[in-house]
Amino acid sequence: MGYFVGIDLHGDNNYIGILDEEDRKVFKRRNRNDINEIKRVLEPYKKEIKGIVVESTFNWYWIVDGLMEAGYQVHLANTSAMQQYEGLKYIDDTRDSFWLAKMLRLKILPEGYIYPKETRSVRDLLRKRMMLVQQRTAHILSMQTMVNRNKGVPISGDTIKKLSNEEVMGMFSDVHLTMSAQCDHEVI
């Protein structure tokens, strides 16, 4: 007999649902986000577990690492790709955990890539850089729009990047527009 485990992961807890090969619910339980507690819960089923699926949420690193280090075959559910099954997804933790286990059992689970521990920090740093570039661009566009809307004059992004603090202070006669322009300029 084989078991399929679904873990619905949240910020401070998780819900484990275990199905057998006949789609029978074998076990269900809410747990603290503590890898030792989770391993204790899974231990009686360990030899028969064919796979564990964890939702790809903002905090999956610790649980995936802990389960893989304990010798489990772990799958990361790609929640973006699972939108096609949205009508089938339930809205409570118990059902969601069993739904994840069932998708794994049926071999229709859209999987996310589990980045190796050693390269995750590089990926996270690149994501942070992308976020900062996007925010900077948003502030440049905000200033462009403000100048065009209030002065009727287009201004290029390159020009905005080269403005001095004094030039920004003198752009508008309205104190609130000046403050808004200063805020944008400070982050650019």
N, C-alpha and C. Protein backbone atom coordinates (compact mmCIF):
# COMPACT_ATOMS: atom_id res chain seq x y z
N MET A 1 0.85 -1.18 0.00
CA MET A 1 0.00 0.00 0.00
C MET A 1 0.89 1.23 0.00
N GLY A 2 0.55 2.22 -0.81
CA GLY A 2 1.30 3.46 -0.85
C GLY A 2 0.45 4.63 -0.39
N TYR A 3 1.13 5.65 0.12
CA TYR A 3 0.44 6.84 0.61
C TYR A 3 0.92 8.08 -0.13
N PHE A 4 0.00 9.02 -0.29
CA PHE A 4 0.27 10.29 -0.93
C PHE A 4 -0.11 11.38 0.06
N VAL A 5 0.83 12.29 0.30
CA VAL A 5 0.65 13.30 1.33
C VAL A 5 0.52 14.68 0.68
N GLY A 6 -0.50 15.41 1.11
CA GLY A 6 -0.67 16.80 0.70
C GLY A 6 -0.51 17.68 1.92
N ILE A 7 0.28 18.74 1.78
CA ILE A 7 0.47 19.67 2.89
C ILE A 7 0.05 21.07 2.44
N ASP A 8 -1.01 21.56 3.05
CA ASP A 8 -1.49 22.92 2.81
C ASP A 8 -0.75 23.82 3.80
N LEU A 9 0.18 24.60 3.27
CA LEU A 9 1.11 25.37 4.11
C LEU A 9 0.66 26.81 4.28
N HIS A 10 0.69 27.29 5.51
CA HIS A 10 0.35 28.68 5.84
C HIS A 10 1.52 29.31 6.58
N GLY A 11 1.35 30.56 6.97
CA GLY A 11 2.42 31.28 7.65
C GLY A 11 2.79 30.71 9.00
N ASP A 12 1.81 30.24 9.76
CA ASP A 12 2.12 29.76 11.11
C ASP A 12 1.64 28.33 11.38
N ASN A 13 1.06 27.68 10.39
CA ASN A 13 0.62 26.30 10.57
C ASN A 13 0.51 25.62 9.22
N ASN A 14 0.23 24.34 9.26
CA ASN A 14 0.04 23.57 8.03
C ASN A 14 -1.01 22.50 8.30
N TYR A 15 -1.57 22.00 7.22
CA TYR A 15 -2.56 20.93 7.36
C TYR A 15 -2.11 19.77 6.50
N ILE A 16 -1.97 18.61 7.12
CA ILE A 16 -1.52 17.41 6.42
C ILE A 16 -2.71 16.51 6.15
N GLY A 17 -2.82 16.08 4.90
CA GLY A 17 -3.82 15.08 4.53
C GLY A 17 -3.12 13.93 3.84
N ILE A 18 -3.43 12.70 4.23
CA ILE A 18 -2.80 11.52 3.63
C ILE A 18 -3.87 10.65 2.99
N LEU A 19 -3.64 10.32 1.71
CA LEU A 19 -4.52 9.41 0.97
C LEU A 19 -3.78 8.11 0.69
N ASP A 20 -4.54 7.02 0.58
CA ASP A 20 -3.93 5.77 0.14
C ASP A 20 -4.14 5.64 -1.37
N GLU A 21 -3.69 4.54 -1.95
CA GLU A 21 -3.78 4.34 -3.40
C GLU A 21 -5.21 4.20 -3.89
N GLU A 22 -6.13 3.92 -2.98
CA GLU A 22 -7.55 3.78 -3.33
C GLU A 22 -8.30 5.09 -3.11
N ASP A 23 -7.59 6.15 -2.85
CA ASP A 23 -8.16 7.48 -2.63
C ASP A 23 -8.91 7.59 -1.30
N ARG A 24 -8.57 6.72 -0.36
CA ARG A 24 -9.19 6.78 0.96
C ARG A 24 -8.38 7.72 1.85
N LYS A 25 -9.09 8.50 2.63
CA LYS A 25 -8.44 9.41 3.57
C LYS A 25 -7.96 8.61 4.78
N VAL A 26 -6.65 8.62 4.96
CA VAL A 26 -6.02 7.81 5.99
C VAL A 26 -5.73 8.64 7.25
N PHE A 27 -5.40 9.92 7.03
CA PHE A 27 -4.98 10.75 8.15
C PHE A 27 -5.19 12.21 7.79
N LYS A 28 -5.55 13.01 8.79
CA LYS A 28 -5.63 14.47 8.60
C LYS A 28 -5.34 15.15 9.93
N ARG A 29 -4.60 16.28 9.83
CA ARG A 29 -4.27 16.99 11.07
C ARG A 29 -3.65 18.35 10.78
N ARG A 30 -4.02 19.33 11.59
CA ARG A 30 -3.37 20.64 11.55
C ARG A 30 -2.15 20.58 12.47
N ASN A 31 -1.05 21.20 12.04
CA ASN A 31 0.21 21.16 12.80
C ASN A 31 0.82 22.55 12.88
N ARG A 32 1.65 22.73 13.89
CA ARG A 32 2.47 23.94 13.95
C ARG A 32 3.53 23.83 12.84
N ASN A 33 4.04 24.95 12.40
CA ASN A 33 5.13 24.93 11.42
C ASN A 33 6.44 24.63 12.14
N ASP A 34 6.60 23.36 12.45
CA ASP A 34 7.77 22.86 13.16
C ASP A 34 8.15 21.55 12.46
N ILE A 35 9.31 21.53 11.82
CA ILE A 35 9.70 20.37 11.01
C ILE A 35 9.77 19.10 11.84
N ASN A 36 10.19 19.19 13.09
CA ASN A 36 10.26 17.99 13.92
C ASN A 36 8.87 17.43 14.21
N GLU A 37 7.91 18.30 14.45
CA GLU A 37 6.54 17.85 14.67
C GLU A 37 5.99 17.19 13.40
N ILE A 38 6.25 17.78 12.26
CA ILE A 38 5.77 17.23 10.99
C ILE A 38 6.39 15.87 10.73
N LYS A 39 7.68 15.73 10.97
CA LYS A 39 8.34 14.43 10.78
C LYS A 39 7.78 13.38 11.72
N ARG A 40 7.47 13.77 12.96
CA ARG A 40 6.85 12.83 13.91
C ARG A 40 5.48 12.37 13.41
N VAL A 41 4.71 13.30 12.87
CA VAL A 41 3.38 12.97 12.35
C VAL A 41 3.48 11.99 11.18
N LEU A 42 4.47 12.19 10.31
CA LEU A 42 4.61 11.35 9.11
C LEU A 42 5.31 10.02 9.38
N GLU A 43 6.04 9.93 10.46
CA GLU A 43 6.87 8.75 10.75
C GLU A 43 6.13 7.41 10.62
N PRO A 44 4.92 7.25 11.16
CA PRO A 44 4.25 5.94 11.04
C PRO A 44 3.96 5.52 9.60
N TYR A 45 3.96 6.47 8.67
CA TYR A 45 3.64 6.20 7.27
C TYR A 45 4.88 6.23 6.37
N LYS A 46 6.02 6.58 6.93
CA LYS A 46 7.22 6.90 6.15
C LYS A 46 7.59 5.86 5.11
N LYS A 47 7.61 4.59 5.47
CA LYS A 47 8.05 3.55 4.54
C LYS A 47 7.14 3.41 3.33
N GLU A 48 5.88 3.80 3.49
CA GLU A 48 4.90 3.63 2.41
C GLU A 48 4.57 4.93 1.67
N ILE A 49 5.16 6.04 2.09
CA ILE A 49 4.86 7.31 1.42
C ILE A 49 5.55 7.36 0.07
N LYS A 50 4.73 7.52 -0.98
CA LYS A 50 5.27 7.59 -2.35
C LYS A 50 5.67 9.01 -2.72
N GLY A 51 5.07 9.98 -2.06
CA GLY A 51 5.41 11.37 -2.34
C GLY A 51 4.67 12.32 -1.43
N ILE A 52 5.28 13.46 -1.23
CA ILE A 52 4.68 14.53 -0.43
C ILE A 52 4.63 15.77 -1.31
N VAL A 53 3.46 16.39 -1.39
CA VAL A 53 3.33 17.63 -2.15
C VAL A 53 3.08 18.79 -1.19
N VAL A 54 3.86 19.85 -1.39
CA VAL A 54 3.75 21.06 -0.59
C VAL A 54 3.38 22.20 -1.53
N GLU A 55 2.44 23.03 -1.11
CA GLU A 55 2.08 24.19 -1.91
C GLU A 55 3.27 25.15 -1.99
N SER A 56 3.47 25.72 -3.18
CA SER A 56 4.54 26.69 -3.36
C SER A 56 4.06 28.05 -2.84
N THR A 57 4.18 28.23 -1.54
CA THR A 57 3.81 29.50 -0.92
C THR A 57 5.08 30.28 -0.63
N PHE A 58 4.93 31.45 -0.04
CA PHE A 58 6.07 32.31 0.22
C PHE A 58 7.09 31.70 1.18
N ASN A 59 6.70 30.65 1.91
CA ASN A 59 7.55 30.13 2.98
C ASN A 59 7.85 28.63 2.85
N TRP A 60 8.04 28.14 1.66
CA TRP A 60 8.19 26.69 1.48
C TRP A 60 9.60 26.16 1.74
N TYR A 61 10.62 26.99 1.73
CA TYR A 61 12.00 26.50 1.82
C TYR A 61 12.21 25.56 2.99
N TRP A 62 11.86 25.99 4.18
CA TRP A 62 12.17 25.23 5.40
C TRP A 62 11.52 23.86 5.41
N ILE A 63 10.27 23.76 4.96
CA ILE A 63 9.57 22.47 5.04
C ILE A 63 10.07 21.51 3.96
N VAL A 64 10.29 22.03 2.76
CA VAL A 64 10.80 21.18 1.68
C VAL A 64 12.19 20.67 2.04
N ASP A 65 13.06 21.56 2.51
CA ASP A 65 14.41 21.15 2.90
C ASP A 65 14.37 20.09 4.00
N GLY A 66 13.57 20.34 5.03
CA GLY A 66 13.48 19.41 6.15
C GLY A 66 12.98 18.04 5.74
N LEU A 67 11.97 18.01 4.89
CA LEU A 67 11.41 16.72 4.44
C LEU A 67 12.38 15.99 3.51
N MET A 68 13.05 16.73 2.63
CA MET A 68 14.02 16.09 1.73
C MET A 68 15.21 15.54 2.53
N GLU A 69 15.66 16.30 3.51
CA GLU A 69 16.76 15.83 4.36
C GLU A 69 16.36 14.58 5.15
N ALA A 70 15.06 14.43 5.41
CA ALA A 70 14.57 13.25 6.13
C ALA A 70 14.32 12.08 5.19
N GLY A 71 14.62 12.27 3.90
CA GLY A 71 14.53 11.17 2.94
C GLY A 71 13.22 11.04 2.19
N TYR A 72 12.35 12.02 2.29
CA TYR A 72 11.08 11.97 1.58
C TYR A 72 11.23 12.48 0.15
N GLN A 73 10.39 11.94 -0.74
CA GLN A 73 10.29 12.43 -2.12
C GLN A 73 9.30 13.60 -2.08
N VAL A 74 9.80 14.82 -2.26
CA VAL A 74 8.97 16.01 -2.12
C VAL A 74 8.71 16.64 -3.47
N HIS A 75 7.47 17.08 -3.66
CA HIS A 75 7.04 17.77 -4.87
C HIS A 75 6.52 19.14 -4.46
N LEU A 76 6.83 20.14 -5.26
CA LEU A 76 6.37 21.50 -4.99
C LEU A 76 5.25 21.81 -5.97
N ALA A 77 4.06 22.08 -5.46
CA ALA A 77 2.92 22.38 -6.32
C ALA A 77 3.06 23.78 -6.89
N ASN A 78 2.98 23.89 -8.21
CA ASN A 78 3.03 25.18 -8.88
C ASN A 78 1.64 25.79 -8.83
N THR A 79 1.41 26.66 -7.87
CA THR A 79 0.06 27.20 -7.66
C THR A 79 -0.42 28.05 -8.84
N SER A 80 0.49 28.69 -9.56
CA SER A 80 0.08 29.47 -10.74
C SER A 80 -0.48 28.56 -11.82
N ALA A 81 0.17 27.44 -12.05
CA ALA A 81 -0.29 26.50 -13.08
C ALA A 81 -1.54 25.76 -12.65
N MET A 82 -1.84 25.78 -11.37
CA MET A 82 -3.00 25.05 -10.87
C MET A 82 -4.29 25.83 -11.08
N GLN A 83 -4.21 27.04 -11.62
CA GLN A 83 -5.42 27.83 -11.85
C GLN A 83 -6.40 27.12 -12.78
N GLN A 84 -5.88 26.29 -13.68
CA GLN A 84 -6.76 25.56 -14.59
C GLN A 84 -7.66 24.59 -13.84
N TYR A 85 -7.26 24.23 -12.64
CA TYR A 85 -8.07 23.32 -11.83
C TYR A 85 -8.86 24.07 -10.75
N GLU A 86 -8.90 25.39 -10.88
CA GLU A 86 -9.47 26.22 -9.81
C GLU A 86 -10.89 25.80 -9.43
N GLY A 87 -11.70 25.45 -10.40
CA GLY A 87 -13.07 25.04 -10.10
C GLY A 87 -13.13 23.78 -9.26
N LEU A 88 -12.06 23.01 -9.29
CA LEU A 88 -12.02 21.77 -8.52
C LEU A 88 -11.45 21.97 -7.12
N LYS A 89 -10.71 23.07 -6.95
CA LYS A 89 -10.04 23.30 -5.66
C LYS A 89 -11.07 23.69 -4.62
N TYR A 90 -10.84 23.23 -3.43
CA TYR A 90 -11.75 23.51 -2.33
C TYR A 90 -11.30 24.76 -1.60
N ILE A 91 -12.00 25.11 -0.56
CA ILE A 91 -11.68 26.36 0.13
C ILE A 91 -11.37 26.17 1.61
N ASP A 92 -11.14 24.95 2.02
CA ASP A 92 -10.71 24.78 3.40
C ASP A 92 -9.48 23.89 3.43
N ASP A 93 -8.72 24.03 4.50
CA ASP A 93 -7.41 23.38 4.59
C ASP A 93 -7.48 21.86 4.49
N THR A 94 -8.49 21.27 5.10
CA THR A 94 -8.61 19.81 5.07
C THR A 94 -8.74 19.34 3.64
N ARG A 95 -9.69 19.91 2.94
CA ARG A 95 -9.92 19.48 1.55
C ARG A 95 -8.76 19.84 0.65
N ASP A 96 -8.16 21.02 0.87
CA ASP A 96 -7.02 21.42 0.04
C ASP A 96 -5.86 20.44 0.17
N SER A 97 -5.57 19.99 1.37
CA SER A 97 -4.46 19.05 1.55
C SER A 97 -4.75 17.73 0.83
N PHE A 98 -5.98 17.25 0.93
CA PHE A 98 -6.33 16.01 0.23
C PHE A 98 -6.36 16.23 -1.29
N TRP A 99 -6.77 17.41 -1.71
CA TRP A 99 -6.80 17.74 -3.14
C TRP A 99 -5.38 17.71 -3.71
N LEU A 100 -4.41 18.27 -2.97
CA LEU A 100 -3.01 18.23 -3.41
C LEU A 100 -2.52 16.79 -3.49
N ALA A 101 -2.83 15.99 -2.46
CA ALA A 101 -2.42 14.58 -2.45
C ALA A 101 -3.05 13.83 -3.63
N LYS A 102 -4.31 14.14 -3.93
CA LYS A 102 -5.00 13.46 -5.03
C LYS A 102 -4.37 13.82 -6.37
N MET A 103 -4.01 15.08 -6.56
CA MET A 103 -3.37 15.48 -7.82
C MET A 103 -2.03 14.75 -8.00
N LEU A 104 -1.32 14.56 -6.90
CA LEU A 104 -0.06 13.81 -6.95
C LEU A 104 -0.34 12.35 -7.28
N ARG A 105 -1.34 11.77 -6.63
CA ARG A 105 -1.68 10.37 -6.86
C ARG A 105 -2.10 10.14 -8.31
N LEU A 106 -2.85 11.07 -8.88
CA LEU A 106 -3.32 10.95 -10.27
C LEU A 106 -2.26 11.34 -11.29
N LYS A 107 -1.13 11.82 -10.81
CA LYS A 107 -0.02 12.25 -11.68
C LYS A 107 -0.40 13.42 -12.58
N ILE A 108 -1.21 14.33 -12.05
CA ILE A 108 -1.58 15.54 -12.80
C ILE A 108 -1.16 16.81 -12.05
N LEU A 109 -0.25 16.66 -11.12
CA LEU A 109 0.19 17.80 -10.32
C LEU A 109 1.13 18.69 -11.12
N PRO A 110 0.77 19.95 -11.35
CA PRO A 110 1.72 20.87 -11.98
C PRO A 110 2.80 21.21 -10.94
N GLU A 111 4.03 20.87 -11.27
CA GLU A 111 5.10 21.02 -10.28
C GLU A 111 5.94 22.27 -10.52
N GLY A 112 6.36 22.85 -9.41
CA GLY A 112 7.31 23.94 -9.43
C GLY A 112 8.71 23.38 -9.23
N TYR A 113 9.68 24.15 -9.64
CA TYR A 113 11.07 23.74 -9.53
C TYR A 113 11.56 23.99 -8.11
N ILE A 114 12.17 22.99 -7.53
CA ILE A 114 12.77 23.14 -6.20
C ILE A 114 14.23 23.55 -6.40
N TYR A 115 14.47 24.84 -6.23
CA TYR A 115 15.83 25.35 -6.40
C TYR A 115 16.74 24.72 -5.36
N PRO A 116 17.95 24.35 -5.78
CA PRO A 116 18.91 23.83 -4.80
C PRO A 116 19.17 24.89 -3.72
N LYS A 117 19.33 24.44 -2.52
CA LYS A 117 19.56 25.32 -1.38
C LYS A 117 20.71 26.31 -1.65
N GLU A 118 21.75 25.83 -2.31
CA GLU A 118 22.95 26.62 -2.53
C GLU A 118 22.72 27.80 -3.47
N THR A 119 21.72 27.72 -4.35
CA THR A 119 21.51 28.80 -5.33
C THR A 119 20.30 29.67 -5.03
N ARG A 120 19.55 29.33 -4.01
CA ARG A 120 18.34 30.10 -3.70
C ARG A 120 18.64 31.55 -3.36
N SER A 121 19.73 31.78 -2.64
CA SER A 121 20.03 33.15 -2.24
C SER A 121 20.33 34.02 -3.46
N VAL A 122 20.94 33.44 -4.50
CA VAL A 122 21.20 34.18 -5.73
C VAL A 122 19.87 34.51 -6.41
N ARG A 123 18.98 33.54 -6.47
CA ARG A 123 17.65 33.75 -7.05
C ARG A 123 16.90 34.84 -6.28
N ASP A 124 16.93 34.77 -4.97
CA ASP A 124 16.25 35.77 -4.15
C ASP A 124 16.84 37.16 -4.36
N LEU A 125 18.17 37.22 -4.49
CA LEU A 125 18.83 38.50 -4.73
C LEU A 125 18.43 39.06 -6.10
N LEU A 126 18.36 38.20 -7.12
CA LEU A 126 17.93 38.65 -8.45
C LEU A 126 16.48 39.14 -8.42
N ARG A 127 15.65 38.46 -7.67
CA ARG A 127 14.25 38.91 -7.53
C ARG A 127 14.19 40.27 -6.84
N LYS A 128 15.03 40.46 -5.82
CA LYS A 128 15.07 41.75 -5.12
C LYS A 128 15.52 42.84 -6.07
N ARG A 129 16.54 42.55 -6.89
CA ARG A 129 17.02 43.54 -7.86
C ARG A 129 15.91 43.89 -8.84
N MET A 130 15.20 42.89 -9.35
CA MET A 130 14.11 43.13 -10.29
C MET A 130 13.04 44.02 -9.64
N MET A 131 12.73 43.75 -8.38
CA MET A 131 11.73 44.55 -7.67
C MET A 131 12.18 46.01 -7.57
N LEU A 132 13.46 46.23 -7.25
CA LEU A 132 13.98 47.59 -7.12
C LEU A 132 13.97 48.32 -8.47
N VAL A 133 14.33 47.62 -9.54
CA VAL A 133 14.29 48.22 -10.88
C VAL A 133 12.86 48.60 -11.24
N GLN A 134 11.91 47.72 -10.95
CA GLN A 134 10.51 48.02 -11.25
C GLN A 134 10.01 49.21 -10.43
N GLN A 135 10.41 49.28 -9.17
CA GLN A 135 10.00 50.41 -8.34
C GLN A 135 10.61 51.72 -8.84
N ARG A 136 11.87 51.67 -9.23
CA ARG A 136 12.52 52.87 -9.76
C ARG A 136 11.82 53.34 -11.02
N THR A 137 11.50 52.39 -11.89
CA THR A 137 10.79 52.72 -13.13
C THR A 137 9.43 53.35 -12.82
N ALA A 138 8.74 52.82 -11.83
CA ALA A 138 7.43 53.36 -11.45
C ALA A 138 7.56 54.81 -10.98
N HIS A 139 8.63 55.13 -10.25
CA HIS A 139 8.83 56.50 -9.77
C HIS A 139 9.20 57.44 -10.91
N ILE A 140 9.99 56.96 -11.85
CA ILE A 140 10.32 57.77 -13.03
C ILE A 140 9.05 58.07 -13.82
N LEU A 141 8.24 57.05 -14.05
CA LEU A 141 6.98 57.23 -14.78
C LEU A 141 6.03 58.16 -14.03
N SER A 142 6.03 58.06 -12.72
CA SER A 142 5.19 58.93 -11.90
C SER A 142 5.58 60.40 -12.09
N MET A 143 6.88 60.67 -12.07
CA MET A 143 7.35 62.04 -12.27
C MET A 143 7.05 62.53 -13.68
N GLN A 144 7.26 61.66 -14.67
CA GLN A 144 6.96 62.04 -16.05
C GLN A 144 5.49 62.45 -16.18
N THR A 145 4.62 61.63 -15.63
CA THR A 145 3.19 61.89 -15.71
C THR A 145 2.83 63.18 -14.97
N MET A 146 3.42 63.40 -13.80
CA MET A 146 3.13 64.59 -13.01
C MET A 146 3.53 65.86 -13.76
N VAL A 147 4.71 65.84 -14.36
CA VAL A 147 5.18 67.00 -15.11
C VAL A 147 4.28 67.23 -16.31
N ASN A 148 3.99 66.19 -17.06
CA ASN A 148 3.17 66.33 -18.26
C ASN A 148 1.75 66.79 -17.91
N ARG A 149 1.19 66.23 -16.86
CA ARG A 149 -0.19 66.54 -16.46
C ARG A 149 -0.30 67.99 -15.96
N ASN A 150 0.69 68.45 -15.22
CA ASN A 150 0.60 69.77 -14.59
C ASN A 150 1.26 70.89 -15.37
N LYS A 151 2.18 70.56 -16.26
CA LYS A 151 2.87 71.60 -17.02
C LYS A 151 2.60 71.51 -18.51
N GLY A 152 2.03 70.37 -18.94
CA GLY A 152 1.74 70.19 -20.37
C GLY A 152 2.99 69.99 -21.20
N VAL A 153 4.07 69.57 -20.56
CA VAL A 153 5.35 69.40 -21.24
C VAL A 153 5.85 67.98 -21.00
N PRO A 154 6.15 67.25 -22.08
CA PRO A 154 6.73 65.92 -21.86
C PRO A 154 8.17 66.05 -21.36
N ILE A 155 8.57 65.08 -20.57
CA ILE A 155 9.94 65.05 -20.04
C ILE A 155 10.43 63.61 -20.12
N SER A 156 11.64 63.42 -20.57
CA SER A 156 12.16 62.06 -20.74
C SER A 156 12.62 61.47 -19.41
N GLY A 157 12.66 60.17 -19.38
CA GLY A 157 13.17 59.47 -18.20
C GLY A 157 14.62 59.83 -17.93
N ASP A 158 15.42 59.95 -18.99
CA ASP A 158 16.83 60.32 -18.82
C ASP A 158 16.97 61.70 -18.18
N THR A 159 16.11 62.63 -18.60
CA THR A 159 16.16 63.98 -18.02
C THR A 159 15.82 63.92 -16.53
N ILE A 160 14.80 63.14 -16.20
CA ILE A 160 14.39 63.02 -14.79
C ILE A 160 15.53 62.45 -13.95
N LYS A 161 16.23 61.46 -14.48
CA LYS A 161 17.32 60.83 -13.74
C LYS A 161 18.45 61.82 -13.44
N LYS A 162 18.60 62.83 -14.30
CA LYS A 162 19.71 63.78 -14.16
C LYS A 162 19.34 65.04 -13.36
N LEU A 163 18.09 65.16 -12.96
CA LEU A 163 17.66 66.36 -12.23
C LEU A 163 18.35 66.46 -10.87
N SER A 164 18.75 67.67 -10.52
CA SER A 164 19.30 67.90 -9.18
C SER A 164 18.15 68.15 -8.21
N ASN A 165 18.45 68.10 -6.93
CA ASN A 165 17.42 68.37 -5.92
C ASN A 165 16.85 69.78 -6.09
N GLU A 166 17.72 70.74 -6.41
CA GLU A 166 17.28 72.12 -6.60
C GLU A 166 16.32 72.22 -7.78
N GLU A 167 16.61 71.51 -8.86
CA GLU A 167 15.73 71.54 -10.03
C GLU A 167 14.36 70.94 -9.70
N VAL A 168 14.36 69.88 -8.93
CA VAL A 168 13.08 69.26 -8.53
C VAL A 168 12.30 70.23 -7.66
N MET A 169 12.98 70.91 -6.73
CA MET A 169 12.32 71.86 -5.83
C MET A 169 11.67 73.01 -6.61
N GLY A 170 12.26 73.37 -7.74
CA GLY A 170 11.74 74.50 -8.52
C GLY A 170 10.78 74.12 -9.63
N MET A 171 10.42 72.85 -9.74
CA MET A 171 9.56 72.40 -10.84
C MET A 171 8.12 72.90 -10.72
N PHE A 172 7.60 72.95 -9.52
CA PHE A 172 6.19 73.27 -9.32
C PHE A 172 6.04 74.40 -8.31
N SER A 173 5.00 75.20 -8.49
CA SER A 173 4.71 76.25 -7.51
C SER A 173 3.89 75.70 -6.35
N ASP A 174 3.18 74.62 -6.58
CA ASP A 174 2.36 74.00 -5.53
C ASP A 174 3.24 73.16 -4.60
N VAL A 175 3.12 73.40 -3.30
CA VAL A 175 3.95 72.71 -2.31
C VAL A 175 3.70 71.20 -2.31
N HIS A 176 2.46 70.78 -2.53
CA HIS A 176 2.15 69.35 -2.52
C HIS A 176 2.74 68.62 -3.73
N LEU A 177 2.70 69.27 -4.89
CA LEU A 177 3.32 68.68 -6.07
C LEU A 177 4.83 68.60 -5.89
N THR A 178 5.40 69.62 -5.28
CA THR A 178 6.84 69.62 -5.02
C THR A 178 7.22 68.48 -4.09
N MET A 179 6.43 68.29 -3.03
CA MET A 179 6.70 67.19 -2.10
C MET A 179 6.59 65.84 -2.81
N SER A 180 5.58 65.70 -3.66
CA SER A 180 5.40 64.45 -4.39
C SER A 180 6.58 64.19 -5.32
N ALA A 181 7.01 65.24 -6.03
CA ALA A 181 8.16 65.11 -6.93
C ALA A 181 9.43 64.77 -6.15
N GLN A 182 9.59 65.39 -4.98
CA GLN A 182 10.76 65.09 -4.14
C GLN A 182 10.76 63.62 -3.71
N CYS A 183 9.59 63.12 -3.34
CA CYS A 183 9.48 61.71 -2.92
C CYS A 183 9.92 60.79 -4.06
N ASP A 184 9.39 61.05 -5.26
CA ASP A 184 9.78 60.22 -6.41
C ASP A 184 11.28 60.34 -6.67
N HIS A 185 11.78 61.58 -6.67
CA HIS A 185 13.18 61.82 -7.00
C HIS A 185 14.14 61.17 -6.00
N GLU A 186 13.76 61.14 -4.73
CA GLU A 186 14.61 60.53 -3.70
C GLU A 186 14.86 59.05 -3.96
N VAL A 187 13.87 58.37 -4.51
CA VAL A 187 14.04 56.92 -4.73
C VAL A 187 14.65 56.61 -6.09
N ILE A 188 14.67 57.59 -6.95
CA ILE A 188 15.26 57.37 -8.27
C ILE A 188 16.76 57.43 -8.12
